[in-house]
Amino acid sequence: MNDELNLNPTESTSTGWQNQQYLTREQVAEILQVTTRTVSEMTSKGIIVAIKLGTGKNSTTRYRKESLDAALKRLEGW
């Protein structure tokens, strides 16, 4: 039997959530070279998409790297 296990997650062919890169608001602000407030405003205007994880006080916001890249491409066309 010649089955091999792929132990390197970066080489996986799956496109599931496990292979997504998630960024914090601070990381997005650093990438865009803006303040975290500007990131929040861009999120509320629908320019970039955020994912809320959890509920209530323990919730946190993350941004998919893929979604951020797509938003930047759309903004370049303006």
C-alpha atoms as a PDB file:
ATOM      1  CA  MET A   1       0.000   0.000   0.000  1.00  0.00           C
ATOM      2  CA  ASN A   2       1.492   3.316  -1.082  1.00  0.00           C
ATOM      3  CA  ASP A   3      -0.690   5.818   0.791  1.00  0.00           C
ATOM      4  CA  GLU A   4       1.068   8.966   1.981  1.00  0.00           C
ATOM      5  CA  LEU A   5      -0.180  11.429   4.548  1.00  0.00           C
ATOM      6  CA  ASN A   6       0.217  15.104   3.812  1.00  0.00           C
ATOM      7  CA  LEU A   7       1.510  16.460   7.105  1.00  0.00           C
ATOM      8  CA  ASN A   8       2.223  19.910   5.689  1.00  0.00           C
ATOM      9  CA  PRO A   9      -1.000  21.991   5.921  1.00  0.00           C
ATOM     10  CA  THR A  10       0.312  24.595   3.448  1.00  0.00           C
ATOM     11  CA  GLU A  11       0.359  21.957   0.720  1.00  0.00           C
ATOM     12  CA  SER A  12      -3.210  20.819   1.287  1.00  0.00           C
ATOM     13  CA  THR A  13      -5.537  20.882  -1.684  1.00  0.00           C
ATOM     14  CA  SER A  14      -8.575  21.587   0.498  1.00  0.00           C
ATOM     15  CA  THR A  15     -10.098  25.061   0.341  1.00  0.00           C
ATOM     16  CA  GLY A  16     -11.830  24.829   3.725  1.00  0.00           C
ATOM     17  CA  TRP A  17     -11.743  27.355   6.533  1.00  0.00           C
ATOM     18  CA  GLN A  18      -8.645  25.711   8.001  1.00  0.00           C
ATOM     19  CA  ASN A  19      -6.552  27.011   5.110  1.00  0.00           C
ATOM     20  CA  GLN A  20      -7.711  30.611   5.404  1.00  0.00           C
ATOM     21  CA  GLN A  21      -5.546  33.285   6.922  1.00  0.00           C
ATOM     22  CA  TYR A  22      -7.401  35.500   9.401  1.00  0.00           C
ATOM     23  CA  LEU A  23      -6.206  38.958  10.393  1.00  0.00           C
ATOM     24  CA  THR A  24      -6.966  41.190  13.357  1.00  0.00           C
ATOM     25  CA  ARG A  25      -8.157  44.761  12.951  1.00  0.00           C
ATOM     26  CA  GLU A  26      -4.679  45.927  13.963  1.00  0.00           C
ATOM     27  CA  GLN A  27      -3.035  43.784  11.296  1.00  0.00           C
ATOM     28  CA  VAL A  28      -5.426  45.092   8.637  1.00  0.00           C
ATOM     29  CA  ALA A  29      -4.695  48.671   9.728  1.00  0.00           C
ATOM     30  CA  GLU A  30      -0.970  48.018   9.440  1.00  0.00           C
ATOM     31  CA  ILE A  31      -1.334  46.492   5.965  1.00  0.00           C
ATOM     32  CA  LEU A  32      -3.490  49.399   4.746  1.00  0.00           C
ATOM     33  CA  GLN A  33      -1.405  51.961   6.642  1.00  0.00           C
ATOM     34  CA  VAL A  34      -4.485  53.462   8.277  1.00  0.00           C
ATOM     35  CA  THR A  35      -5.829  53.629  11.824  1.00  0.00           C
ATOM     36  CA  THR A  36      -7.961  50.909  13.383  1.00  0.00           C
ATOM     37  CA  ARG A  37     -10.822  53.431  13.425  1.00  0.00           C
ATOM     38  CA  THR A  38     -10.557  53.744   9.647  1.00  0.00           C
ATOM     39  CA  VAL A  39     -10.668  49.944   9.366  1.00  0.00           C
ATOM     40  CA  SER A  40     -13.858  49.959  11.465  1.00  0.00           C
ATOM     41  CA  GLU A  41     -15.381  52.665   9.261  1.00  0.00           C
ATOM     42  CA  MET A  42     -14.456  50.743   6.107  1.00  0.00           C
ATOM     43  CA  THR A  43     -16.088  47.674   7.625  1.00  0.00           C
ATOM     44  CA  SER A  44     -19.312  49.488   8.524  1.00  0.00           C
ATOM     45  CA  LYS A  45     -19.483  50.943   4.981  1.00  0.00           C
ATOM     46  CA  GLY A  46     -19.075  47.480   3.483  1.00  0.00           C
ATOM     47  CA  ILE A  47     -15.736  48.228   1.825  1.00  0.00           C
ATOM     48  CA  ILE A  48     -14.065  45.350   3.628  1.00  0.00           C
ATOM     49  CA  VAL A  49     -15.794  42.319   5.112  1.00  0.00           C
ATOM     50  CA  ALA A  50     -15.343  41.318   8.750  1.00  0.00           C
ATOM     51  CA  ILE A  51     -16.160  38.058  10.462  1.00  0.00           C
ATOM     52  CA  LYS A  52     -17.451  38.253  14.025  1.00  0.00           C
ATOM     53  CA  LEU A  53     -16.430  35.291  16.159  1.00  0.00           C
ATOM     54  CA  GLY A  54     -18.334  34.636  19.367  1.00  0.00           C
ATOM     55  CA  THR A  55     -21.073  36.652  21.028  1.00  0.00           C
ATOM     56  CA  GLY A  56     -21.350  39.438  23.558  1.00  0.00           C
ATOM     57  CA  LYS A  57     -18.308  40.709  25.422  1.00  0.00           C
ATOM     58  CA  ASN A  58     -16.204  37.754  24.323  1.00  0.00           C
ATOM     59  CA  SER A  59     -16.688  38.353  20.605  1.00  0.00           C
ATOM     60  CA  THR A  60     -13.794  39.222  18.361  1.00  0.00           C
ATOM     61  CA  THR A  61     -13.557  40.486  14.800  1.00  0.00           C
ATOM     62  CA  ARG A  62     -11.335  38.959  12.145  1.00  0.00           C
ATOM     63  CA  TYR A  63     -10.758  39.652   8.482  1.00  0.00           C
ATOM     64  CA  ARG A  64     -10.017  36.987   5.885  1.00  0.00           C
ATOM     65  CA  LYS A  65      -6.812  37.818   4.021  1.00  0.00           C
ATOM     66  CA  GLU A  66      -8.491  36.704   0.811  1.00  0.00           C
ATOM     67  CA  SER A  67     -11.374  39.171   1.339  1.00  0.00           C
ATOM     68  CA  LEU A  68      -8.949  41.993   2.093  1.00  0.00           C
ATOM     69  CA  ASP A  69      -7.026  41.277  -1.119  1.00  0.00           C
ATOM     70  CA  ALA A  70     -10.285  41.330  -3.090  1.00  0.00           C
ATOM     71  CA  ALA A  71     -11.319  44.652  -1.531  1.00  0.00           C
ATOM     72  CA  LEU A  72      -7.966  46.180  -2.415  1.00  0.00           C
ATOM     73  CA  LYS A  73      -8.344  45.072  -6.033  1.00  0.00           C
ATOM     74  CA  ARG A  74     -11.806  46.667  -6.173  1.00  0.00           C
ATOM     75  CA  LEU A  75     -10.461  49.907  -4.688  1.00  0.00           C
ATOM     76  CA  GLU A  76      -7.640  50.040  -7.233  1.00  0.00           C
ATOM     77  CA  GLY A  77     -10.261  50.294  -9.976  1.00  0.00           C
ATOM     78  CA  TRP A  78     -11.750  53.513  -8.556  1.00  0.00           C
END
